[in-house]
Amino acid sequence: MSEIRVGLVGYGPAGAFFHAPLIHATPGMRLSAVVTRNPERAAEVERRYGAATVAEADHLWERSDLIVIAAPNRTHVPLATAALTAGLPVVVDKPLAGTADEARSLIRLAHEHGLMLTVFQNRRWDGDFRTLRALVAAGALGEVYRFESRFERWRPTPKGGWREAGGVDDLGGLLYDLGSHLVDQALRLLGPVTGVYAECDARRPGIAADDDTFLALTHANGARSHLWASAVAAHLGPRFRVLGSSAAYLKEGMDVQEERLRAGTRPDEPGFGEEPEDRWGVLGTAESNRRVRTEPGAYLDFYQGVVACLRAGGPAPVDPAEVVEALEVLEAARRSATERRVVRPGQA
């Protein structure tokens, strides 16, 4: 296909700040139509991208070669099912589904139709995580004992919306939001998980879903991951603290790509994913350490991988089978938080 026409379902924060700019900046792709009923958002879509806007997702099928789903979490499975059934490859924002079984059903459907199904786990392309993976692969930390990872914010006043007000059926809350990224990164770094302990609390008034969450994962190789996601952290902890037999890696602050996308910076501008030196992490021990340059963040690699998959039959940029593994951990975490015990992923 000479040009991949992309139909985007949803133009909230995920669609507006992440998917639309990345699609627009990816060679070989064109944002052709967006589902939104909001007149102001529709005007922005037409002004920035020259794309049409439609009221319903099924209006995209005839004008798209690829469907990207960035709608509320509860809609991911039915929308992906409808798009695949219509014969279209699909990108789904995380989480792919609410359960591992639902995700497996989508994978089977995609396989039956011979279609690509992939998941927007963009945090795999964070510069700090790319740096950490390279350090671990090079043996710079020795054997990794403990992986500490945080997505913390200070938002004492709720912003409203389904992510905070929605309950379990809406897949609201931080466990399935930022927790999807935290667990995915832990699995990519340290491999399969054999035990999950979780604490999921709703701290702020009027909040129905968790806004202060902690996960402790035991990996099959003996390493442990401690993961935090919080909207009520008045003092932010380090993004990463990773302890190994030879050294540790400490990284403060968030990857720069989200803040630049939110500020309107084009993701194909030179230096888009580069982090300033004063935000680089530190590698070493209590006796000796050094600054380590953060590798450039590379969110565009995701959609470039989608193009390569659709045009040349390469692998999807994120294997949905890997996301099933993460969903089993998230399901175990929800059960652990309810039953206050360690749960094995996939345990009935």
C-alpha atoms as a PDB file:
ATOM      1  CA  MET A   1       0.000   0.000   0.000  1.00  0.00           C
ATOM      2  CA  SER A   2       1.461   3.355  -1.049  1.00  0.00           C
ATOM      3  CA  GLU A   3      -0.129   5.297   1.801  1.00  0.00           C
ATOM      4  CA  ILE A   4      -1.735   3.876   4.911  1.00  0.00           C
ATOM      5  CA  ARG A   5      -4.954   5.706   5.682  1.00  0.00           C
ATOM      6  CA  VAL A   6      -5.429   5.734   9.445  1.00  0.00           C
ATOM      7  CA  GLY A   7      -8.777   5.980  11.186  1.00  0.00           C
ATOM      8  CA  LEU A   8      -8.431   7.142  14.793  1.00  0.00           C
ATOM      9  CA  VAL A   9     -11.153   6.340  17.331  1.00  0.00           C
ATOM     10  CA  GLY A  10     -11.024   8.952  20.077  1.00  0.00           C
ATOM     11  CA  TYR A  11      -9.484  12.407  20.362  1.00  0.00           C
ATOM     12  CA  GLY A  12      -9.109  12.807  24.105  1.00  0.00           C
ATOM     13  CA  PRO A  13      -5.623  13.119  25.655  1.00  0.00           C
ATOM     14  CA  ALA A  14      -4.386   9.796  24.233  1.00  0.00           C
ATOM     15  CA  GLY A  15      -5.596  10.551  20.720  1.00  0.00           C
ATOM     16  CA  ALA A  16      -4.726  14.248  20.661  1.00  0.00           C
ATOM     17  CA  PHE A  17      -1.336  14.247  22.403  1.00  0.00           C
ATOM     18  CA  PHE A  18       0.076  10.870  21.403  1.00  0.00           C
ATOM     19  CA  HIS A  19      -1.510   9.059  18.471  1.00  0.00           C
ATOM     20  CA  ALA A  20      -2.470  11.881  16.096  1.00  0.00           C
ATOM     21  CA  PRO A  21       0.924  13.681  16.190  1.00  0.00           C
ATOM     22  CA  LEU A  22       2.869  10.422  15.874  1.00  0.00           C
ATOM     23  CA  ILE A  23       0.735   9.165  12.987  1.00  0.00           C
ATOM     24  CA  HIS A  24       1.036  12.536  11.227  1.00  0.00           C
ATOM     25  CA  ALA A  25       4.844  12.473  11.557  1.00  0.00           C
ATOM     26  CA  THR A  26       5.302   8.878  10.340  1.00  0.00           C
ATOM     27  CA  PRO A  27       6.275   8.529   6.670  1.00  0.00           C
ATOM     28  CA  GLY A  28       3.833   6.343   4.772  1.00  0.00           C
ATOM     29  CA  MET A  29       0.877   7.167   7.023  1.00  0.00           C
ATOM     30  CA  ARG A  30      -1.924   9.693   6.724  1.00  0.00           C
ATOM     31  CA  LEU A  31      -4.483  10.482   9.393  1.00  0.00           C
ATOM     32  CA  SER A  32      -7.621  10.224   7.270  1.00  0.00           C
ATOM     33  CA  ALA A  33     -10.484  10.405   9.770  1.00  0.00           C
ATOM     34  CA  VAL A  34     -11.092  10.768  13.509  1.00  0.00           C
ATOM     35  CA  VAL A  35     -14.080   9.791  15.616  1.00  0.00           C
ATOM     36  CA  THR A  36     -15.159  12.677  17.825  1.00  0.00           C
ATOM     37  CA  ARG A  37     -18.478  14.364  18.543  1.00  0.00           C
ATOM     38  CA  ASN A  38     -16.873  17.425  20.159  1.00  0.00           C
ATOM     39  CA  PRO A  39     -17.091  20.431  17.781  1.00  0.00           C
ATOM     40  CA  GLU A  40     -13.916  22.070  19.134  1.00  0.00           C
ATOM     41  CA  ARG A  41     -11.931  18.860  18.799  1.00  0.00           C
ATOM     42  CA  ALA A  42     -13.320  18.297  15.310  1.00  0.00           C
ATOM     43  CA  ALA A  43     -12.203  21.774  14.267  1.00  0.00           C
ATOM     44  CA  GLU A  44      -8.721  21.114  15.644  1.00  0.00           C
ATOM     45  CA  VAL A  45      -8.449  17.799  13.777  1.00  0.00           C
ATOM     46  CA  GLU A  46      -9.381  19.433  10.484  1.00  0.00           C
ATOM     47  CA  ARG A  47      -7.068  22.415  11.087  1.00  0.00           C
ATOM     48  CA  ARG A  48      -3.983  20.485  12.211  1.00  0.00           C
ATOM     49  CA  TYR A  49      -4.218  17.360  10.086  1.00  0.00           C
ATOM     50  CA  GLY A  50      -6.699  17.997   7.296  1.00  0.00           C
ATOM     51  CA  ALA A  51      -8.561  14.887   8.410  1.00  0.00           C
ATOM     52  CA  ALA A  52     -12.282  14.286   8.341  1.00  0.00           C
ATOM     53  CA  THR A  53     -14.265  13.746  11.534  1.00  0.00           C
ATOM     54  CA  VAL A  54     -17.079  11.256  11.978  1.00  0.00           C
ATOM     55  CA  ALA A  55     -19.501  10.518  14.792  1.00  0.00           C
ATOM     56  CA  GLU A  56     -19.274   6.717  14.891  1.00  0.00           C
ATOM     57  CA  ALA A  57     -16.413   4.227  14.616  1.00  0.00           C
ATOM     58  CA  ASP A  58     -18.105   2.139  11.932  1.00  0.00           C
ATOM     59  CA  HIS A  59     -17.976   5.188   9.655  1.00  0.00           C
ATOM     60  CA  LEU A  60     -14.195   4.642   9.519  1.00  0.00           C
ATOM     61  CA  TRP A  61     -14.178   1.169   8.014  1.00  0.00           C
ATOM     62  CA  GLU A  62     -14.589   2.208   4.358  1.00  0.00           C
ATOM     63  CA  ARG A  63     -12.115   5.096   4.511  1.00  0.00           C
ATOM     64  CA  SER A  64      -9.264   3.454   6.468  1.00  0.00           C
ATOM     65  CA  ASP A  65      -6.500   0.888   5.991  1.00  0.00           C
ATOM     66  CA  LEU A  66      -5.672   0.821   9.718  1.00  0.00           C
ATOM     67  CA  ILE A  67      -7.738   1.511  12.828  1.00  0.00           C
ATOM     68  CA  VAL A  68      -6.202   3.045  15.965  1.00  0.00           C
ATOM     69  CA  ILE A  69      -8.295   2.797  19.126  1.00  0.00           C
ATOM     70  CA  ALA A  70      -7.703   5.534  21.707  1.00  0.00           C
ATOM     71  CA  ALA A  71     -11.201   5.554  23.193  1.00  0.00           C
ATOM     72  CA  PRO A  72     -12.072   4.808  26.862  1.00  0.00           C
ATOM     73  CA  ASN A  73     -10.707   1.506  28.127  1.00  0.00           C
ATOM     74  CA  ARG A  74     -14.083  -0.248  28.375  1.00  0.00           C
ATOM     75  CA  THR A  75     -14.533   0.146  24.592  1.00  0.00           C
ATOM     76  CA  HIS A  76     -11.220  -1.385  23.526  1.00  0.00           C
ATOM     77  CA  VAL A  77     -12.429  -4.966  23.122  1.00  0.00           C
ATOM     78  CA  PRO A  78     -15.731  -4.279  21.286  1.00  0.00           C
ATOM     79  CA  LEU A  79     -14.119  -1.701  18.980  1.00  0.00           C
ATOM     80  CA  ALA A  80     -11.143  -3.931  18.173  1.00  0.00           C
ATOM     81  CA  THR A  81     -13.497  -6.847  17.548  1.00  0.00           C
ATOM     82  CA  ALA A  82     -15.588  -4.784  15.147  1.00  0.00           C
ATOM     83  CA  ALA A  83     -12.550  -3.458  13.254  1.00  0.00           C
ATOM     84  CA  LEU A  84     -10.934  -6.885  12.900  1.00  0.00           C
ATOM     85  CA  THR A  85     -14.231  -8.398  11.790  1.00  0.00           C
ATOM     86  CA  ALA A  86     -14.444  -5.653   9.143  1.00  0.00           C
ATOM     87  CA  GLY A  87     -11.054  -6.820   7.839  1.00  0.00           C
ATOM     88  CA  LEU A  88      -8.853  -4.035   9.212  1.00  0.00           C
ATOM     89  CA  PRO A  89      -5.580  -4.240  11.168  1.00  0.00           C
ATOM     90  CA  VAL A  90      -5.721  -2.601  14.564  1.00  0.00           C
ATOM     91  CA  VAL A  91      -3.595  -0.639  17.034  1.00  0.00           C
ATOM     92  CA  VAL A  92      -5.118  -0.535  20.528  1.00  0.00           C
ATOM     93  CA  ASP A  93      -3.972   1.859  23.212  1.00  0.00           C
ATOM     94  CA  LYS A  94      -3.125   0.123  26.474  1.00  0.00           C
ATOM     95  CA  PRO A  95      -4.700  -1.741  28.127  1.00  0.00           C
ATOM     96  CA  LEU A  96      -5.600  -4.072  25.272  1.00  0.00           C
ATOM     97  CA  ALA A  97      -8.409  -5.566  27.362  1.00  0.00           C
ATOM     98  CA  GLY A  98      -9.670  -5.953  30.901  1.00  0.00           C
ATOM     99  CA  THR A  99      -8.698  -9.618  31.144  1.00  0.00           C
ATOM    100  CA  ALA A 100      -6.140 -11.944  29.640  1.00  0.00           C
ATOM    101  CA  ASP A 101      -8.942 -14.132  28.245  1.00  0.00           C
ATOM    102  CA  GLU A 102     -10.458 -11.185  26.366  1.00  0.00           C
ATOM    103  CA  ALA A 103      -7.028 -10.378  24.953  1.00  0.00           C
ATOM    104  CA  ARG A 104      -6.525 -13.977  23.825  1.00  0.00           C
ATOM    105  CA  SER A 105      -9.870 -13.864  22.034  1.00  0.00           C
ATOM    106  CA  LEU A 106      -8.785 -10.744  20.126  1.00  0.00           C
ATOM    107  CA  ILE A 107      -5.499 -12.393  19.184  1.00  0.00           C
ATOM    108  CA  ARG A 108      -7.338 -15.448  17.857  1.00  0.00           C
ATOM    109  CA  LEU A 109      -9.680 -13.234  15.842  1.00  0.00           C
ATOM    110  CA  ALA A 110      -6.761 -11.321  14.319  1.00  0.00           C
ATOM    111  CA  HIS A 111      -5.017 -14.593  13.461  1.00  0.00           C
ATOM    112  CA  GLU A 112      -8.153 -16.013  11.845  1.00  0.00           C
ATOM    113  CA  HIS A 113      -8.422 -12.942   9.606  1.00  0.00           C
ATOM    114  CA  GLY A 114      -4.677 -12.726   8.930  1.00  0.00           C
ATOM    115  CA  LEU A 115      -4.528  -9.197  10.383  1.00  0.00           C
ATOM    116  CA  MET A 116      -2.063  -7.263  12.498  1.00  0.00           C
ATOM    117  CA  LEU A 117      -3.080  -6.590  16.095  1.00  0.00           C
ATOM    118  CA  THR A 118      -0.702  -4.597  18.258  1.00  0.00           C
ATOM    119  CA  VAL A 119      -0.791  -2.504  21.433  1.00  0.00           C
ATOM    120  CA  PHE A 120       0.527   1.018  22.032  1.00  0.00           C
ATOM    121  CA  GLN A 121       2.962   0.278  24.866  1.00  0.00           C
ATOM    122  CA  ASN A 122       4.864   3.463  24.073  1.00  0.00           C
ATOM    123  CA  ARG A 123       6.825   3.473  27.342  1.00  0.00           C
ATOM    124  CA  ARG A 124       9.062   0.748  25.908  1.00  0.00           C
ATOM    125  CA  TRP A 125      10.488   3.621  23.839  1.00  0.00           C
ATOM    126  CA  ASP A 126      11.072   6.010  26.768  1.00  0.00           C
ATOM    127  CA  GLY A 127      14.665   7.191  26.667  1.00  0.00           C
ATOM    128  CA  ASP A 128      15.352   6.274  30.288  1.00  0.00           C
ATOM    129  CA  PHE A 129      13.983   2.754  29.857  1.00  0.00           C
ATOM    130  CA  ARG A 130      15.954   2.260  26.639  1.00  0.00           C
ATOM    131  CA  THR A 131      19.051   3.342  28.573  1.00  0.00           C
ATOM    132  CA  LEU A 132      18.333   0.966  31.439  1.00  0.00           C
ATOM    133  CA  ARG A 133      17.779  -2.002  29.111  1.00  0.00           C
ATOM    134  CA  ALA A 134      21.083  -1.281  27.372  1.00  0.00           C
ATOM    135  CA  LEU A 135      22.935  -1.066  30.703  1.00  0.00           C
ATOM    136  CA  VAL A 136      21.445  -4.360  31.916  1.00  0.00           C
ATOM    137  CA  ALA A 137      22.180  -6.088  28.598  1.00  0.00           C
ATOM    138  CA  ALA A 138      25.804  -4.896  28.775  1.00  0.00           C
ATOM    139  CA  GLY A 139      26.183  -6.253  32.324  1.00  0.00           C
ATOM    140  CA  ALA A 140      26.861  -2.810  33.776  1.00  0.00           C
ATOM    141  CA  LEU A 141      24.830  -3.566  36.916  1.00  0.00           C
ATOM    142  CA  GLY A 142      25.837  -7.218  37.240  1.00  0.00           C
ATOM    143  CA  GLU A 143      22.925  -9.416  38.305  1.00  0.00           C
ATOM    144  CA  VAL A 144      19.813  -7.294  38.861  1.00  0.00           C
ATOM    145  CA  TYR A 145      18.319  -7.884  42.300  1.00  0.00           C
ATOM    146  CA  ARG A 146      15.637  -5.211  42.495  1.00  0.00           C
ATOM    147  CA  PHE A 147      13.836  -2.962  40.014  1.00  0.00           C
ATOM    148  CA  GLU A 148      12.071   0.066  41.513  1.00  0.00           C
ATOM    149  CA  SER A 149       9.919   2.040  39.089  1.00  0.00           C
ATOM    150  CA  ARG A 150       7.510   4.920  39.639  1.00  0.00           C
ATOM    151  CA  PHE A 151       4.930   6.997  37.820  1.00  0.00           C
ATOM    152  CA  GLU A 152       4.030   9.483  40.557  1.00  0.00           C
ATOM    153  CA  ARG A 153       2.184  12.780  40.384  1.00  0.00           C
ATOM    154  CA  TRP A 154       0.841  15.356  42.786  1.00  0.00           C
ATOM    155  CA  ARG A 155      -2.822  15.956  41.921  1.00  0.00           C
ATOM    156  CA  PRO A 156      -4.658  16.449  45.229  1.00  0.00           C
ATOM    157  CA  THR A 157      -7.748  17.718  43.371  1.00  0.00           C
ATOM    158  CA  PRO A 158      -9.283  15.174  40.969  1.00  0.00           C
ATOM    159  CA  LYS A 159      -9.558  16.230  37.340  1.00  0.00           C
ATOM    160  CA  GLY A 160     -12.767  14.259  36.799  1.00  0.00           C
ATOM    161  CA  GLY A 161     -13.592  11.958  33.917  1.00  0.00           C
ATOM    162  CA  TRP A 162     -13.953   8.200  33.577  1.00  0.00           C
ATOM    163  CA  ARG A 163     -10.341   7.391  34.530  1.00  0.00           C
ATOM    164  CA  GLU A 164     -11.010   8.638  38.061  1.00  0.00           C
ATOM    165  CA  ALA A 165     -14.772   8.313  38.454  1.00  0.00           C
ATOM    166  CA  GLY A 166     -15.194   5.011  36.625  1.00  0.00           C
ATOM    167  CA  GLY A 167     -15.251   1.740  38.498  1.00  0.00           C
ATOM    168  CA  VAL A 168     -14.008  -1.744  37.718  1.00  0.00           C
ATOM    169  CA  ASP A 169     -16.233  -2.131  34.649  1.00  0.00           C
ATOM    170  CA  ASP A 170     -14.775   1.053  33.154  1.00  0.00           C
ATOM    171  CA  LEU A 171     -11.186  -0.156  33.768  1.00  0.00           C
ATOM    172  CA  GLY A 172     -10.543   3.182  35.421  1.00  0.00           C
ATOM    173  CA  GLY A 173      -7.825   3.859  37.960  1.00  0.00           C
ATOM    174  CA  LEU A 174      -4.061   3.747  37.914  1.00  0.00           C
ATOM    175  CA  LEU A 175      -3.614  -0.035  38.030  1.00  0.00           C
ATOM    176  CA  TYR A 176      -4.813  -0.469  34.446  1.00  0.00           C
ATOM    177  CA  ASP A 177      -3.524   2.943  33.314  1.00  0.00           C
ATOM    178  CA  LEU A 178       0.054   3.625  34.409  1.00  0.00           C
ATOM    179  CA  GLY A 179       0.223   0.145  35.909  1.00  0.00           C
ATOM    180  CA  SER A 180       0.012  -1.272  32.376  1.00  0.00           C
ATOM    181  CA  HIS A 181       3.289   0.489  31.573  1.00  0.00           C
ATOM    182  CA  LEU A 182       5.003  -0.344  34.856  1.00  0.00           C
ATOM    183  CA  VAL A 183       4.242  -4.052  34.570  1.00  0.00           C
ATOM    184  CA  ASP A 184       5.134  -4.179  30.882  1.00  0.00           C
ATOM    185  CA  GLN A 185       8.546  -2.627  31.574  1.00  0.00           C
ATOM    186  CA  ALA A 186       9.210  -4.987  34.495  1.00  0.00           C
ATOM    187  CA  LEU A 187       8.431  -8.001  32.321  1.00  0.00           C
ATOM    188  CA  ARG A 188      10.606  -6.776  29.477  1.00  0.00           C
ATOM    189  CA  LEU A 189      13.506  -6.141  31.860  1.00  0.00           C
ATOM    190  CA  LEU A 190      13.349  -9.141  34.207  1.00  0.00           C
ATOM    191  CA  GLY A 191      11.109 -11.747  32.616  1.00  0.00           C
ATOM    192  CA  PRO A 192       8.140 -13.811  33.860  1.00  0.00           C
ATOM    193  CA  VAL A 193       6.452 -13.206  37.204  1.00  0.00           C
ATOM    194  CA  THR A 194       5.601 -15.956  39.685  1.00  0.00           C
ATOM    195  CA  GLY A 195       4.035 -13.924  42.496  1.00  0.00           C
ATOM    196  CA  VAL A 196       2.146 -10.636  42.845  1.00  0.00           C
ATOM    197  CA  TYR A 197       1.341  -8.594  45.925  1.00  0.00           C
ATOM    198  CA  ALA A 198      -0.612  -5.341  45.471  1.00  0.00           C
ATOM    199  CA  GLU A 199      -2.126  -2.429  47.369  1.00  0.00           C
ATOM    200  CA  CYS A 200      -4.722  -0.399  45.444  1.00  0.00           C
ATOM    201  CA  ASP A 201      -6.336   2.526  47.273  1.00  0.00           C
ATOM    202  CA  ALA A 202      -8.672   5.393  46.392  1.00  0.00           C
ATOM    203  CA  ARG A 203      -7.352   8.275  48.509  1.00  0.00           C
ATOM    204  CA  ARG A 204      -9.095  11.393  47.207  1.00  0.00           C
ATOM    205  CA  PRO A 205     -12.755  12.274  47.869  1.00  0.00           C
ATOM    206  CA  GLY A 206     -15.149  11.331  45.099  1.00  0.00           C
ATOM    207  CA  ILE A 207     -12.754   8.896  43.439  1.00  0.00           C
ATOM    208  CA  ALA A 208     -14.177   5.481  42.552  1.00  0.00           C
ATOM    209  CA  ALA A 209     -10.985   3.961  41.131  1.00  0.00           C
ATOM    210  CA  ASP A 210      -7.512   3.478  42.593  1.00  0.00           C
ATOM    211  CA  ASP A 211      -5.311   6.580  42.636  1.00  0.00           C
ATOM    212  CA  ASP A 212      -2.520   5.250  44.889  1.00  0.00           C
ATOM    213  CA  THR A 213      -1.179   1.834  43.925  1.00  0.00           C
ATOM    214  CA  PHE A 214       1.823  -0.354  44.757  1.00  0.00           C
ATOM    215  CA  LEU A 215       2.843  -3.702  43.243  1.00  0.00           C
ATOM    216  CA  ALA A 216       5.541  -6.108  44.419  1.00  0.00           C
ATOM    217  CA  LEU A 217       6.451  -8.701  41.786  1.00  0.00           C
ATOM    218  CA  THR A 218       8.607 -11.777  42.249  1.00  0.00           C
ATOM    219  CA  HIS A 219      10.233 -12.836  38.980  1.00  0.00           C
ATOM    220  CA  ALA A 220      11.072 -16.406  38.015  1.00  0.00           C
ATOM    221  CA  ASN A 221      14.787 -15.533  38.026  1.00  0.00           C
ATOM    222  CA  GLY A 222      14.611 -14.431  41.675  1.00  0.00           C
ATOM    223  CA  ALA A 223      14.661 -10.676  41.031  1.00  0.00           C
ATOM    224  CA  ARG A 224      11.962  -8.433  42.489  1.00  0.00           C
ATOM    225  CA  SER A 225      10.147  -5.427  41.069  1.00  0.00           C
ATOM    226  CA  HIS A 226       8.586  -2.746  43.262  1.00  0.00           C
ATOM    227  CA  LEU A 227       6.234  -0.534  41.255  1.00  0.00           C
ATOM    228  CA  TRP A 228       4.382   2.628  42.296  1.00  0.00           C
ATOM    229  CA  ALA A 229       1.636   4.615  40.550  1.00  0.00           C
ATOM    230  CA  SER A 230       0.152   7.516  42.455  1.00  0.00           C
ATOM    231  CA  ALA A 231      -1.717  10.776  41.982  1.00  0.00           C
ATOM    232  CA  VAL A 232      -1.180  11.795  45.626  1.00  0.00           C
ATOM    233  CA  ALA A 233       2.623  11.863  45.895  1.00  0.00           C
ATOM    234  CA  ALA A 234       3.433  15.253  47.406  1.00  0.00           C
ATOM    235  CA  HIS A 235       7.133  14.441  46.999  1.00  0.00           C
ATOM    236  CA  LEU A 236       8.102  12.399  43.950  1.00  0.00           C
ATOM    237  CA  GLY A 237      10.391   9.410  44.247  1.00  0.00           C
ATOM    238  CA  PRO A 238      12.975   8.523  41.590  1.00  0.00           C
ATOM    239  CA  ARG A 239      11.693   7.286  38.262  1.00  0.00           C
ATOM    240  CA  PHE A 240      14.048   4.296  38.479  1.00  0.00           C
ATOM    241  CA  ARG A 241      16.254   2.835  41.203  1.00  0.00           C
ATOM    242  CA  VAL A 242      17.741  -0.432  40.014  1.00  0.00           C
ATOM    243  CA  LEU A 243      20.043  -2.437  42.285  1.00  0.00           C
ATOM    244  CA  GLY A 244      22.468  -5.018  40.970  1.00  0.00           C
ATOM    245  CA  SER A 245      25.387  -7.102  42.207  1.00  0.00           C
ATOM    246  CA  SER A 246      27.953  -4.698  40.706  1.00  0.00           C
ATOM    247  CA  ALA A 247      26.258  -1.303  40.583  1.00  0.00           C
ATOM    248  CA  ALA A 248      23.009   0.612  40.774  1.00  0.00           C
ATOM    249  CA  TYR A 249      21.247   2.935  38.333  1.00  0.00           C
ATOM    250  CA  LEU A 250      19.317   5.930  39.683  1.00  0.00           C
ATOM    251  CA  LYS A 251      17.177   8.086  37.413  1.00  0.00           C
ATOM    252  CA  GLU A 252      15.083  11.095  38.409  1.00  0.00           C
ATOM    253  CA  GLY A 253      12.328  12.743  36.369  1.00  0.00           C
ATOM    254  CA  MET A 254      10.093  11.606  33.528  1.00  0.00           C
ATOM    255  CA  ASP A 255      10.927  10.926  29.904  1.00  0.00           C
ATOM    256  CA  VAL A 256      10.778  14.185  27.925  1.00  0.00           C
ATOM    257  CA  GLN A 257       8.591  13.009  25.041  1.00  0.00           C
ATOM    258  CA  GLU A 258       5.186  13.353  26.709  1.00  0.00           C
ATOM    259  CA  GLU A 259       5.806  16.897  27.913  1.00  0.00           C
ATOM    260  CA  ARG A 260       7.017  17.890  24.441  1.00  0.00           C
ATOM    261  CA  LEU A 261       4.018  16.306  22.714  1.00  0.00           C
ATOM    262  CA  ARG A 262       1.686  18.097  25.118  1.00  0.00           C
ATOM    263  CA  ALA A 263       3.498  21.360  24.342  1.00  0.00           C
ATOM    264  CA  GLY A 264       2.860  20.854  20.630  1.00  0.00           C
ATOM    265  CA  THR A 265       6.393  19.900  19.586  1.00  0.00           C
ATOM    266  CA  ARG A 266       6.417  17.765  16.435  1.00  0.00           C
ATOM    267  CA  PRO A 267       7.849  14.307  17.149  1.00  0.00           C
ATOM    268  CA  ASP A 268       9.931  14.404  13.954  1.00  0.00           C
ATOM    269  CA  GLU A 269      11.743  17.612  14.933  1.00  0.00           C
ATOM    270  CA  PRO A 270      15.507  17.221  15.472  1.00  0.00           C
ATOM    271  CA  GLY A 271      16.297  16.471  19.110  1.00  0.00           C
ATOM    272  CA  PHE A 272      12.680  15.679  20.005  1.00  0.00           C
ATOM    273  CA  GLY A 273      13.591  12.700  22.227  1.00  0.00           C
ATOM    274  CA  GLU A 274      16.888  14.075  23.564  1.00  0.00           C
ATOM    275  CA  GLU A 275      17.110  14.681  27.304  1.00  0.00           C
ATOM    276  CA  PRO A 276      19.217  17.532  28.730  1.00  0.00           C
ATOM    277  CA  GLU A 277      22.388  16.480  30.537  1.00  0.00           C
ATOM    278  CA  ASP A 278      21.192  17.700  33.937  1.00  0.00           C
ATOM    279  CA  ARG A 279      18.458  15.021  33.814  1.00  0.00           C
ATOM    280  CA  TRP A 280      20.719  12.079  33.009  1.00  0.00           C
ATOM    281  CA  GLY A 281      20.801   9.168  35.422  1.00  0.00           C
ATOM    282  CA  VAL A 282      23.666   7.981  37.624  1.00  0.00           C
ATOM    283  CA  LEU A 283      25.400   4.579  37.453  1.00  0.00           C
ATOM    284  CA  GLY A 284      27.734   3.251  40.120  1.00  0.00           C
ATOM    285  CA  THR A 285      28.051   2.521  43.818  1.00  0.00           C
ATOM    286  CA  ALA A 286      28.203   4.490  47.070  1.00  0.00           C
ATOM    287  CA  GLU A 287      31.948   4.886  46.545  1.00  0.00           C
ATOM    288  CA  SER A 288      32.007   5.864  42.871  1.00  0.00           C
ATOM    289  CA  ASN A 289      29.430   6.791  40.247  1.00  0.00           C
ATOM    290  CA  ARG A 290      29.083   8.592  36.932  1.00  0.00           C
ATOM    291  CA  ARG A 291      26.441  10.255  34.821  1.00  0.00           C
ATOM    292  CA  VAL A 292      25.071   8.136  31.981  1.00  0.00           C
ATOM    293  CA  ARG A 293      23.723   9.833  28.858  1.00  0.00           C
ATOM    294  CA  THR A 294      20.047   9.032  28.393  1.00  0.00           C
ATOM    295  CA  GLU A 295      19.378   7.437  25.025  1.00  0.00           C
ATOM    296  CA  PRO A 296      16.960   9.456  22.885  1.00  0.00           C
ATOM    297  CA  GLY A 297      13.320   8.586  23.384  1.00  0.00           C
ATOM    298  CA  ALA A 298      11.815   7.051  20.260  1.00  0.00           C
ATOM    299  CA  TYR A 299       8.008   6.956  20.244  1.00  0.00           C
ATOM    300  CA  LEU A 300       8.042   7.275  16.447  1.00  0.00           C
ATOM    301  CA  ASP A 301       9.652   3.831  16.297  1.00  0.00           C
ATOM    302  CA  PHE A 302       6.298   2.320  17.261  1.00  0.00           C
ATOM    303  CA  TYR A 303       4.407   3.620  14.244  1.00  0.00           C
ATOM    304  CA  GLN A 304       7.376   3.078  11.954  1.00  0.00           C
ATOM    305  CA  GLY A 305       7.163  -0.540  13.116  1.00  0.00           C
ATOM    306  CA  VAL A 306       3.461  -0.597  12.231  1.00  0.00           C
ATOM    307  CA  VAL A 307       4.288   0.609   8.702  1.00  0.00           C
ATOM    308  CA  ALA A 308       6.985  -2.056   8.341  1.00  0.00           C
ATOM    309  CA  CYS A 309       4.564  -4.733   9.541  1.00  0.00           C
ATOM    310  CA  LEU A 310       1.784  -3.758   7.141  1.00  0.00           C
ATOM    311  CA  ARG A 311       3.983  -3.119   4.122  1.00  0.00           C
ATOM    312  CA  ALA A 312       6.680  -5.771   4.429  1.00  0.00           C
ATOM    313  CA  GLY A 313       5.121  -8.379   6.696  1.00  0.00           C
ATOM    314  CA  GLY A 314       7.530  -7.710   9.547  1.00  0.00           C
ATOM    315  CA  PRO A 315       6.645  -8.355  13.187  1.00  0.00           C
ATOM    316  CA  ALA A 316       4.231  -6.079  14.983  1.00  0.00           C
ATOM    317  CA  PRO A 317       6.065  -3.507  17.133  1.00  0.00           C
ATOM    318  CA  VAL A 318       4.415  -4.984  20.249  1.00  0.00           C
ATOM    319  CA  ASP A 319       3.512  -8.663  20.279  1.00  0.00           C
ATOM    320  CA  PRO A 320       0.004  -8.887  21.803  1.00  0.00           C
ATOM    321  CA  ALA A 321       0.973 -12.210  23.416  1.00  0.00           C
ATOM    322  CA  GLU A 322       3.374 -10.247  25.627  1.00  0.00           C
ATOM    323  CA  VAL A 323       0.476  -8.013  26.654  1.00  0.00           C
ATOM    324  CA  VAL A 324      -1.516 -11.091  27.696  1.00  0.00           C
ATOM    325  CA  GLU A 325       1.291 -11.875  30.135  1.00  0.00           C
ATOM    326  CA  ALA A 326       1.066  -8.356  31.565  1.00  0.00           C
ATOM    327  CA  LEU A 327      -2.725  -8.586  31.879  1.00  0.00           C
ATOM    328  CA  GLU A 328      -2.346 -11.780  33.898  1.00  0.00           C
ATOM    329  CA  VAL A 329      -0.133  -9.814  36.299  1.00  0.00           C
ATOM    330  CA  LEU A 330      -2.659  -6.955  36.491  1.00  0.00           C
ATOM    331  CA  GLU A 331      -5.512  -9.389  37.161  1.00  0.00           C
ATOM    332  CA  ALA A 332      -3.429 -11.011  39.887  1.00  0.00           C
ATOM    333  CA  ALA A 333      -2.712  -7.559  41.345  1.00  0.00           C
ATOM    334  CA  ARG A 334      -6.398  -6.672  41.526  1.00  0.00           C
ATOM    335  CA  ARG A 335      -7.129  -9.968  43.243  1.00  0.00           C
ATOM    336  CA  SER A 336      -4.195  -9.524  45.616  1.00  0.00           C
ATOM    337  CA  ALA A 337      -5.349  -6.061  46.632  1.00  0.00           C
ATOM    338  CA  THR A 338      -8.840  -7.412  47.358  1.00  0.00           C
ATOM    339  CA  GLU A 339      -7.789 -10.570  49.175  1.00  0.00           C
ATOM    340  CA  ARG A 340      -4.629  -9.128  50.774  1.00  0.00           C
ATOM    341  CA  ARG A 341      -2.381 -11.988  49.775  1.00  0.00           C
ATOM    342  CA  VAL A 342       0.233 -12.942  47.209  1.00  0.00           C
ATOM    343  CA  VAL A 343      -1.320 -14.266  43.987  1.00  0.00           C
ATOM    344  CA  ARG A 344       0.302 -16.232  41.174  1.00  0.00           C
ATOM    345  CA  PRO A 345      -0.469 -14.807  37.687  1.00  0.00           C
ATOM    346  CA  GLY A 346      -2.918 -16.988  35.775  1.00  0.00           C
ATOM    347  CA  GLN A 347      -4.154 -18.575  38.994  1.00  0.00           C
ATOM    348  CA  ALA A 348      -7.868 -19.382  38.884  1.00  0.00           C
END
